Amino acid sequence: MHSCLSKNILITGGAGFIGSNLAIKLYEKGYNVTVLDNLSEQIHGKDPLKSELYCSIKDKTKFINGSVTSREDWIKALEGQDVIVHLAAETGTGQSMYEISKYTSVNIGGTALMLDLLVKNKGSVKKVVVASSRAIYGEGKYKCNSCGVVYPSSRNVENMELKDYECKCPICNGSVAVVATTEDSQVHPTSVYGITKQVQEQMVMMVCPTIGVAPVAFRYQNVYGPGQSLSNPYTGILSIFSTRIKNGNDIVIFEDGKESRDFVYISDVVEGTIMGIEQSAADNNVFNIGLGVPVDVLNIANMLKENYSSTIKINVSGNYRLGDIRHNFADITKIKKLLKFAPKVSSAEGIKLFCQWVNTQSVQEDRYDTSVKEMSNRGLYK
């Protein structure tokens, strides 16, 4: 069942949204799961030991309340492990632009500590699976009629002020059309978060083979589903919008609402990640995990409104955030071919399931306006 791997798996960030879902599935498959997590208030609320995510895993895993920035915590967590799934990270592109030191010390520093310890003594560790992100691509891959495949860099503020939000060809400045991003596409992040994810991925992919440990990296697209924090105003557009709707607040959409993302349901992400753990075909490879379909933000807002039978208004504001990308969706040919992965949950189905779950949750405080104000004060929201 477990190919040549043994049974002990460490998940850093295993009480988080992706981590807890993965931990439960691995537990059901008979693995011994250890979780290292610092139960951050931004995700777990004021009383983390009562958080639904933590409660869902506490009896199914060996839980270590600790941080990936602590050498002692890593030493404790690594003991006897066969596989490390490294998910622990500060997430959210907007916030990363003004909490630069925190993002780099947790995401890059934490990964460096892990690799340091493995280089000195890898023990029984045979594989490291690292969570990378679509954010490392920055803007996705585009086609220009005159110049072929191009990779636009950050959008021009002058254009955005004129309500022209689309990317331009970096060579001729003409119009471009977005195409699916392949794993060999240019990596050029437009946020500090994206940079930290790129460095995490590169360090793991480069260092692990030198010590005989197999690395696997997954570039997750926009993951959503039951268990996602409904109180964190910095990450997860479906959660942010849902919390606003539940509070009876109108939804404010940036730009013109046509910006698009690849939304992938949590169960598909967990399944793909387990394939990476169990299959040797995954070793030394980097994979996109997404649905492979772009959905625009206005469409998402309307689907949520409909599922909640809500009467709130959807306002397209024309405001924009510096560092935000316009479009990105994954080409998932590689993971389909090598690991036989095929996402099962469509956007319509996934959003319906997500809304059904939100309906069972208590309504969280809507801190969205505070987060916008914070970005505005820092000159990142225009």
Protein backbone atom coordinates (compact mmCIF):
# COMPACT_ATOMS: atom_id res chain seq x y z
CA MET A 1 0.00 0.00 0.00
CA HIS A 2 2.75 2.44 0.90
CA SER A 3 5.24 1.52 -1.88
CA CYS A 4 8.68 1.42 -0.24
CA LEU A 5 7.86 4.02 2.38
CA SER A 6 7.32 3.21 5.99
CA LYS A 7 4.56 4.50 8.11
CA ASN A 8 5.66 7.63 9.99
CA ILE A 9 4.76 10.99 8.50
CA LEU A 10 5.42 14.45 9.92
CA ILE A 11 3.17 17.27 8.71
CA THR A 12 4.36 20.76 9.60
CA GLY A 13 1.39 23.12 9.69
CA GLY A 14 -0.70 19.98 10.14
CA ALA A 15 -3.40 21.80 12.12
CA GLY A 16 -3.91 24.25 9.26
CA PHE A 17 -6.52 23.98 6.54
CA ILE A 18 -4.67 21.75 4.06
CA GLY A 19 -2.62 20.05 6.78
CA SER A 20 -5.55 18.91 8.94
CA ASN A 21 -7.44 17.49 5.95
CA LEU A 22 -4.28 15.65 4.87
CA ALA A 23 -3.60 14.39 8.42
CA ILE A 24 -7.10 12.89 8.73
CA LYS A 25 -6.84 11.13 5.36
CA LEU A 26 -3.38 9.70 6.16
CA TYR A 27 -4.62 8.55 9.58
CA GLU A 28 -7.52 6.77 7.86
CA LYS A 29 -5.01 5.07 5.56
CA GLY A 30 -3.12 3.67 8.55
CA TYR A 31 -0.14 6.03 8.77
CA ASN A 32 1.25 7.33 12.08
CA VAL A 33 0.99 11.09 11.77
CA THR A 34 2.92 13.67 13.80
CA VAL A 35 1.90 17.31 13.52
CA LEU A 36 4.12 20.31 14.27
CA ASP A 37 2.02 23.49 14.40
CA ASN A 38 2.07 26.77 16.34
CA LEU A 39 -1.76 27.17 16.31
CA SER A 40 -1.54 30.75 15.02
CA GLU A 41 -4.37 32.99 16.22
CA GLN A 42 -4.96 34.35 12.72
CA ILE A 43 -6.07 30.86 11.66
CA HIS A 44 -7.30 29.24 14.87
CA GLY A 45 -8.84 32.21 16.70
CA LYS A 46 -8.38 33.39 20.29
CA ASP A 47 -8.82 29.92 21.82
CA PRO A 48 -6.85 27.65 19.46
CA LEU A 49 -7.39 24.49 21.51
CA LYS A 50 -11.10 24.81 20.71
CA SER A 51 -10.57 25.50 17.00
CA GLU A 52 -12.38 23.07 14.73
CA LEU A 53 -9.23 22.34 12.72
CA TYR A 54 -7.19 21.47 15.81
CA CYS A 55 -10.01 19.41 17.35
CA SER A 56 -10.38 17.44 14.09
CA ILE A 57 -6.80 16.08 14.36
CA LYS A 58 -5.83 16.06 18.02
CA ASP A 59 -6.91 12.45 18.70
CA LYS A 60 -5.64 11.16 15.36
CA THR A 61 -2.08 12.51 15.50
CA LYS A 62 0.83 13.03 17.82
CA PHE A 63 0.62 16.81 18.24
CA ILE A 64 3.60 19.05 18.93
CA ASN A 65 2.74 22.68 19.67
CA GLY A 66 5.81 24.37 18.29
CA SER A 67 7.32 26.46 15.54
CA VAL A 68 9.36 25.69 12.42
CA THR A 69 11.63 28.56 13.48
CA SER A 70 12.74 26.58 16.56
CA ARG A 71 15.59 24.10 16.20
CA GLU A 72 14.47 22.23 19.36
CA ASP A 73 10.94 21.80 18.00
CA TRP A 74 12.27 20.45 14.71
CA ILE A 75 14.57 17.97 16.51
CA LYS A 76 11.60 16.70 18.55
CA ALA A 77 9.35 16.47 15.48
CA LEU A 78 11.84 14.78 13.13
CA GLU A 79 12.57 11.82 15.36
CA GLY A 80 11.67 8.52 13.67
CA GLN A 81 9.96 10.12 10.64
CA ASP A 82 10.00 8.55 7.19
CA VAL A 83 8.35 11.37 5.26
CA ILE A 84 8.08 15.10 5.94
CA VAL A 85 5.22 17.08 4.42
CA HIS A 86 6.30 20.69 4.92
CA LEU A 87 3.20 22.89 4.81
CA ALA A 88 3.88 25.31 7.69
CA ALA A 89 4.14 28.84 6.31
CA GLU A 90 2.95 32.39 6.64
CA THR A 91 0.43 32.75 3.82
CA GLY A 92 -1.27 35.62 1.99
CA THR A 93 0.26 37.85 -0.65
CA GLY A 94 -1.08 41.20 0.59
CA GLN A 95 0.18 40.84 4.14
CA SER A 96 3.58 39.61 2.96
CA MET A 97 4.29 43.03 1.45
CA TYR A 98 4.61 44.65 4.90
CA GLU A 99 5.53 41.70 7.15
CA ILE A 100 8.64 40.91 5.17
CA SER A 101 10.89 39.77 7.98
CA LYS A 102 8.21 37.47 9.45
CA TYR A 103 7.48 35.83 6.09
CA THR A 104 11.13 35.23 5.30
CA SER A 105 12.06 33.96 8.77
CA VAL A 106 9.17 31.46 8.89
CA ASN A 107 9.03 30.35 5.26
CA ILE A 108 12.68 30.46 4.27
CA GLY A 109 14.32 30.27 7.73
CA GLY A 110 12.08 27.41 8.86
CA THR A 111 12.86 25.40 5.73
CA ALA A 112 16.59 26.12 6.09
CA LEU A 113 16.51 24.82 9.68
CA MET A 114 14.83 21.60 8.56
CA LEU A 115 17.39 21.07 5.78
CA ASP A 116 20.29 21.88 8.15
CA LEU A 117 19.14 19.18 10.53
CA LEU A 118 18.57 16.63 7.73
CA VAL A 119 22.03 17.28 6.25
CA LYS A 120 23.58 16.59 9.68
CA ASN A 121 21.40 13.56 10.34
CA LYS A 122 18.64 12.50 8.01
CA GLY A 123 17.73 9.57 10.26
CA SER A 124 14.98 7.53 8.61
CA VAL A 125 13.68 10.37 6.41
CA LYS A 126 13.29 9.18 2.82
CA LYS A 127 11.15 11.92 1.28
CA VAL A 128 10.31 15.60 1.73
CA VAL A 129 7.14 16.97 0.17
CA VAL A 130 7.08 20.77 0.15
CA ALA A 131 4.10 23.05 -0.40
CA SER A 132 4.98 25.54 -3.08
CA SER A 133 2.43 27.92 -4.60
CA ARG A 134 1.04 29.34 -7.80
CA ALA A 135 2.33 32.66 -6.38
CA ILE A 136 5.84 31.80 -7.58
CA TYR A 137 4.73 32.34 -11.18
CA GLY A 138 3.59 35.90 -10.52
CA GLU A 139 1.49 36.64 -13.56
CA GLY A 140 0.75 33.51 -15.54
CA LYS A 141 1.77 32.59 -19.05
CA TYR A 142 0.38 34.66 -21.93
CA LYS A 143 0.30 34.62 -25.72
CA CYS A 144 0.93 37.69 -27.82
CA ASN A 145 -0.12 37.57 -31.49
CA SER A 146 3.15 39.17 -32.57
CA CYS A 147 5.66 37.93 -29.96
CA GLY A 148 4.45 34.43 -29.09
CA VAL A 149 4.60 33.15 -25.47
CA VAL A 150 5.42 35.97 -23.05
CA TYR A 151 5.58 36.51 -19.28
CA PRO A 152 4.35 39.97 -18.31
CA SER A 153 5.79 41.42 -15.12
CA SER A 154 3.79 43.48 -12.61
CA ARG A 155 1.09 45.63 -14.13
CA ASN A 156 1.62 49.29 -14.72
CA VAL A 157 0.04 51.63 -12.12
CA GLU A 158 -0.70 54.28 -14.79
CA ASN A 159 -2.78 51.74 -16.76
CA MET A 160 -4.62 50.57 -13.64
CA GLU A 161 -5.47 54.16 -12.72
CA LEU A 162 -7.11 54.37 -16.17
CA LYS A 163 -9.12 51.21 -15.32
CA ASP A 164 -7.10 49.13 -17.77
CA TYR A 165 -6.27 46.07 -15.67
CA GLU A 166 -5.17 43.55 -18.28
CA CYS A 167 -1.53 42.55 -18.72
CA LYS A 168 0.43 43.82 -21.70
CA CYS A 169 3.11 42.15 -23.79
CA PRO A 170 6.47 42.97 -22.18
CA ILE A 171 8.06 43.17 -25.64
CA CYS A 172 5.62 45.15 -27.83
CA ASN A 173 3.16 46.40 -25.16
CA GLY A 174 0.30 44.91 -27.19
CA SER A 175 -2.67 42.87 -25.95
CA VAL A 176 -2.08 39.35 -24.68
CA ALA A 177 -4.31 36.35 -23.93
CA VAL A 178 -3.75 34.18 -20.84
CA VAL A 179 -2.90 30.48 -21.33
CA ALA A 180 -2.44 27.68 -18.77
CA THR A 181 0.81 27.87 -16.78
CA THR A 182 3.08 24.83 -17.20
CA GLU A 183 5.71 23.85 -14.63
CA ASP A 184 8.51 25.02 -16.93
CA SER A 185 6.97 28.50 -17.19
CA GLN A 186 8.99 31.46 -16.02
CA VAL A 187 9.14 31.85 -12.25
CA HIS A 188 8.87 35.55 -11.38
CA PRO A 189 6.87 36.21 -8.20
CA THR A 190 5.25 39.62 -7.66
CA SER A 191 4.96 39.38 -3.85
CA VAL A 192 7.26 38.65 -0.92
CA TYR A 193 5.11 35.57 -0.21
CA GLY A 194 5.77 34.33 -3.76
CA ILE A 195 9.51 34.87 -3.35
CA THR A 196 9.58 32.89 -0.07
CA LYS A 197 7.68 30.03 -1.71
CA GLN A 198 10.08 29.99 -4.65
CA VAL A 199 13.11 29.84 -2.32
CA GLN A 200 11.50 27.11 -0.14
CA GLU A 201 10.83 24.99 -3.20
CA GLN A 202 14.27 25.53 -4.72
CA MET A 203 16.12 24.76 -1.47
CA VAL A 204 14.23 21.50 -0.93
CA MET A 205 14.58 20.39 -4.57
CA MET A 206 18.30 21.17 -4.57
CA VAL A 207 19.47 20.03 -1.11
CA CYS A 208 17.47 16.80 -0.63
CA PRO A 209 19.03 14.80 -3.50
CA THR A 210 22.53 15.57 -2.16
CA ILE A 211 21.70 13.60 1.01
CA GLY A 212 19.73 10.80 -0.63
CA VAL A 213 16.29 12.13 0.28
CA ALA A 214 13.64 12.35 -2.48
CA PRO A 215 12.09 15.83 -2.86
CA VAL A 216 8.62 16.56 -4.27
CA ALA A 217 7.11 20.05 -4.65
CA PHE A 218 3.46 20.90 -5.21
CA ARG A 219 2.53 24.31 -6.58
CA TYR A 220 -0.96 24.59 -5.13
CA GLN A 221 -3.46 26.86 -6.84
CA ASN A 222 -6.27 28.56 -4.83
CA VAL A 223 -7.27 25.80 -2.43
CA TYR A 224 -10.68 26.05 -0.75
CA GLY A 225 -13.22 23.94 1.09
CA PRO A 226 -14.64 23.05 4.51
CA GLY A 227 -12.26 23.91 7.33
CA GLN A 228 -10.83 27.03 5.71
CA SER A 229 -10.50 29.86 8.23
CA LEU A 230 -13.57 32.11 8.08
CA SER A 231 -11.98 34.71 10.34
CA ASN A 232 -8.71 35.36 8.49
CA PRO A 233 -9.23 38.49 6.33
CA TYR A 234 -5.95 38.06 4.45
CA THR A 235 -6.29 34.78 2.65
CA GLY A 236 -8.97 32.72 0.91
CA ILE A 237 -11.32 34.80 -1.18
CA LEU A 238 -14.24 32.36 -0.76
CA SER A 239 -13.97 32.56 3.02
CA ILE A 240 -13.60 36.34 3.01
CA PHE A 241 -16.67 36.78 0.78
CA SER A 242 -18.68 34.19 2.76
CA THR A 243 -17.99 35.94 6.06
CA ARG A 244 -19.10 39.25 4.55
CA ILE A 245 -22.32 37.73 3.19
CA LYS A 246 -23.06 36.06 6.55
CA ASN A 247 -22.65 39.44 8.27
CA GLY A 248 -25.05 41.01 5.77
CA ASN A 249 -22.26 43.17 4.32
CA ASP A 250 -22.00 43.91 0.61
CA ILE A 251 -19.12 42.35 -1.30
CA VAL A 252 -16.54 44.69 -2.72
CA ILE A 253 -14.64 43.34 -5.71
CA PHE A 254 -11.31 44.79 -6.79
CA GLU A 255 -10.52 45.95 -10.31
CA ASP A 256 -13.34 45.07 -12.75
CA GLY A 257 -14.13 41.61 -11.34
CA LYS A 258 -12.69 39.86 -14.40
CA GLU A 259 -9.44 38.82 -12.68
CA SER A 260 -9.34 35.03 -12.59
CA ARG A 261 -7.87 32.22 -10.50
CA ASP A 262 -7.78 28.43 -10.51
CA PHE A 263 -9.88 27.26 -7.54
CA VAL A 264 -9.19 23.69 -6.48
CA TYR A 265 -11.19 21.78 -3.88
CA ILE A 266 -9.47 20.52 -0.73
CA SER A 267 -10.21 16.81 -1.30
CA ASP A 268 -8.51 16.96 -4.71
CA VAL A 269 -5.46 18.67 -3.19
CA VAL A 270 -5.23 16.04 -0.44
CA GLU A 271 -5.50 13.21 -2.96
CA GLY A 272 -2.79 14.69 -5.18
CA THR A 273 -0.50 15.26 -2.19
CA ILE A 274 -0.90 11.66 -1.02
CA MET A 275 0.01 10.48 -4.53
CA GLY A 276 3.20 12.51 -4.13
CA ILE A 277 3.91 10.83 -0.80
CA GLU A 278 3.19 7.28 -1.97
CA GLN A 279 4.41 7.17 -5.56
CA SER A 280 8.09 7.03 -6.42
CA ALA A 281 7.17 8.50 -9.84
CA ALA A 282 6.74 11.81 -7.97
CA ASP A 283 10.33 11.89 -6.68
CA ASN A 284 12.48 14.82 -7.81
CA ASN A 285 9.51 16.45 -9.53
CA VAL A 286 7.59 19.69 -9.23
CA PHE A 287 3.85 19.58 -9.94
CA ASN A 288 1.01 22.05 -10.38
CA ILE A 289 -2.11 21.03 -8.46
CA GLY A 290 -5.23 22.83 -9.63
CA LEU A 291 -8.48 22.26 -11.43
CA GLY A 292 -6.90 23.64 -14.59
CA VAL A 293 -9.85 25.97 -15.16
CA PRO A 294 -9.88 29.76 -14.64
CA VAL A 295 -12.89 31.30 -12.87
CA ASP A 296 -13.26 35.06 -12.53
CA VAL A 297 -13.86 36.70 -9.16
CA LEU A 298 -17.21 38.24 -10.12
CA ASN A 299 -18.45 34.79 -11.07
CA ILE A 300 -17.30 33.41 -7.68
CA ALA A 301 -19.12 36.19 -5.81
CA ASN A 302 -22.34 35.52 -7.73
CA MET A 303 -22.11 31.76 -7.12
CA LEU A 304 -21.68 32.37 -3.38
CA LYS A 305 -24.55 34.86 -3.25
CA GLU A 306 -26.80 32.36 -5.02
CA ASN A 307 -25.80 29.44 -2.77
CA TYR A 308 -26.51 31.49 0.36
CA SER A 309 -29.76 32.88 -1.15
CA SER A 310 -28.45 36.28 -0.11
CA THR A 311 -29.70 39.73 -1.08
CA ILE A 312 -26.42 41.60 -0.46
CA LYS A 313 -25.05 43.75 -3.28
CA ILE A 314 -21.92 42.96 -5.23
CA ASN A 315 -20.00 46.16 -5.90
CA VAL A 316 -17.16 46.24 -8.41
CA SER A 317 -14.97 48.97 -6.96
CA GLY A 318 -12.21 49.60 -9.50
CA ASN A 319 -9.75 49.68 -6.58
CA TYR A 320 -6.69 47.46 -6.81
CA ARG A 321 -3.91 46.08 -4.64
CA LEU A 322 -0.26 46.40 -5.54
CA GLY A 323 1.33 42.97 -5.99
CA ASP A 324 -1.92 41.30 -7.06
CA ILE A 325 -1.78 39.35 -10.28
CA ARG A 326 -4.42 39.46 -12.99
CA HIS A 327 -4.73 35.85 -14.16
CA ASN A 328 -3.22 32.47 -13.42
CA PHE A 329 -4.47 28.95 -13.98
CA ALA A 330 -2.61 25.66 -13.98
CA ASP A 331 -1.71 23.30 -16.74
CA ILE A 332 -2.09 19.94 -14.94
CA THR A 333 -0.88 17.68 -17.79
CA LYS A 334 2.27 16.62 -15.91
CA ILE A 335 0.59 15.43 -12.69
CA LYS A 336 -2.12 13.67 -14.72
CA LYS A 337 0.50 11.84 -16.74
CA LEU A 338 3.06 10.95 -14.06
CA LEU A 339 0.82 10.36 -11.02
CA LYS A 340 -2.53 9.65 -12.75
CA PHE A 341 -4.08 12.54 -10.80
CA ALA A 342 -7.45 13.83 -11.99
CA PRO A 343 -9.40 16.45 -10.01
CA LYS A 344 -12.94 15.26 -9.30
CA VAL A 345 -14.73 18.34 -7.92
CA SER A 346 -15.91 21.06 -10.32
CA SER A 347 -16.10 24.71 -9.21
CA ALA A 348 -19.89 24.66 -9.07
CA GLU A 349 -19.95 21.47 -6.99
CA GLY A 350 -17.08 22.57 -4.73
CA ILE A 351 -18.63 25.95 -3.99
CA LYS A 352 -21.94 24.28 -3.17
CA LEU A 353 -20.21 21.92 -0.70
CA PHE A 354 -18.23 24.80 0.78
CA CYS A 355 -21.37 26.91 1.32
CA GLN A 356 -23.19 23.97 2.94
CA TRP A 357 -20.32 23.73 5.43
CA VAL A 358 -20.25 27.49 6.08
CA ASN A 359 -23.99 27.29 6.90
CA THR A 360 -23.15 24.96 9.79
CA GLN A 361 -20.56 27.36 11.26
CA SER A 362 -21.05 30.24 13.66
CA VAL A 363 -20.77 33.62 11.92
CA GLN A 364 -17.30 35.10 12.32
CA GLU A 365 -16.45 38.75 12.82
CA ASP A 366 -15.91 40.41 9.43
CA ARG A 367 -12.43 41.95 9.63
CA TYR A 368 -12.16 42.60 5.91
CA ASP A 369 -12.52 46.41 6.15
CA THR A 370 -9.74 46.48 8.76
CA SER A 371 -7.42 44.54 6.43
CA VAL A 372 -8.17 46.93 3.54
CA LYS A 373 -7.53 49.92 5.80
CA GLU A 374 -4.23 48.40 6.86
CA MET A 375 -3.15 47.92 3.22
CA SER A 376 -4.39 51.39 2.36
CA ASN A 377 -2.38 52.97 5.18
CA ARG A 378 0.69 51.24 3.80
CA GLY A 379 0.08 52.53 0.28
CA LEU A 380 -0.65 49.06 -1.12
CA TYR A 381 -4.37 49.58 -1.82
CA LYS A 382 -5.31 52.13 -4.46
